[in-house]
Amino acid sequence: MTGMTRVTGWPVPARRHTRRLGKYWAVFRISLRNQWAYVPEQSVQGIFLVVIMYVFAELWSTTYGTMATSSIAGYGIASVVWYLAMTESIVMGCPRLAMRLSEEIKHGEIAYRLTKPIGYIGYNFAQYLGEASVRIGLNIVLAGMVAALFFGPPPASWASVLLTVVATALAVSTQFTMNMVIGLLLFWMEDGRGLDLILSRLVMILGGMMIPLPLFPDWLARVCAWLPFQVIAYLPARTLVHLRGYDIGQALATGCGWMLICLAVCTFLYGKGVKRLHVQGG
């Protein structure tokens, strides 16, 4: 009939969301493909990780031998080494997002990025996830080879392996939002290297990257268990090697809470930063 419009298929808002997700998926695939092209180069860099894992294996073997014990705070030597293989793989595999955003803002490339028909935070997350997927996967293979050579396969069940995949995805997402906060603060700061260094050290010390939290003093372990830094390192590693007795539901909920808080801060800073950029004529 004349004057009437026939509506078929999905509602317009649903189609818009689908197209938007399709853009992010395309960015993720391109980033994944680009990183995969550099796997040989990443493998060379992974030699450093192999050396680190060998040192850790020898160090903890000596520690357990000196203490004449097979378990410390419920962790056997194989559990500790596989724990370190996970934490090192994840932390070393996450891209240096803050530094890249710093260069974009300093050189004015941010103005070009903002003209793209895709959300800036979502674009960076899709690109970050593609890079991290390849890097972390390769790191786990290399670090796992060293751990398996010395102590055999990880002391894990299929359930813990599947939950580790979920925890690792949450760890990468949380790391992204925390780095994004630092990057967006550069709208008001000249250099973010200091904040990036502080964050990396907090993950290393309070996040359980070097030592499992149960080996900390009790009061410090309880404090660290509620901080966002442990989501990046301790959560996925503990899930893999020592799931028994671990309240994984609470741990994942805590991690999701911190990720959403950081995401909300990112959204706030982005809105303020873009307004400031436009006011200054950027």
Foldseek 3Di string as FASTA:
>chain_A
DPPDDDDDDDDPVVVVVVVQVVVLLVLLVVLLVVLVVCVVVLVVVLVVVLVVLVVLLVVVVVVCVVVVDQDDLRDGSLLLSLLLLLLCLQLVLQDQVLVVLLVCVVVVVVVVLVPDPHDPLSSVLSNRVSSSVSSSVSSSVSSQVSSCVRPNHAQFDPVLVVVLVVLQVLLSLLVSLVSLLLSLCCLVPNDSPVVSVVLSVCLCPLLQNNHALSNPPPVSSVVSLLDQSVSNRNLSSCSGHPVPPDPNVVSVVSSVVSSVVSVVSSVVSVVVSVVSCVVVPD
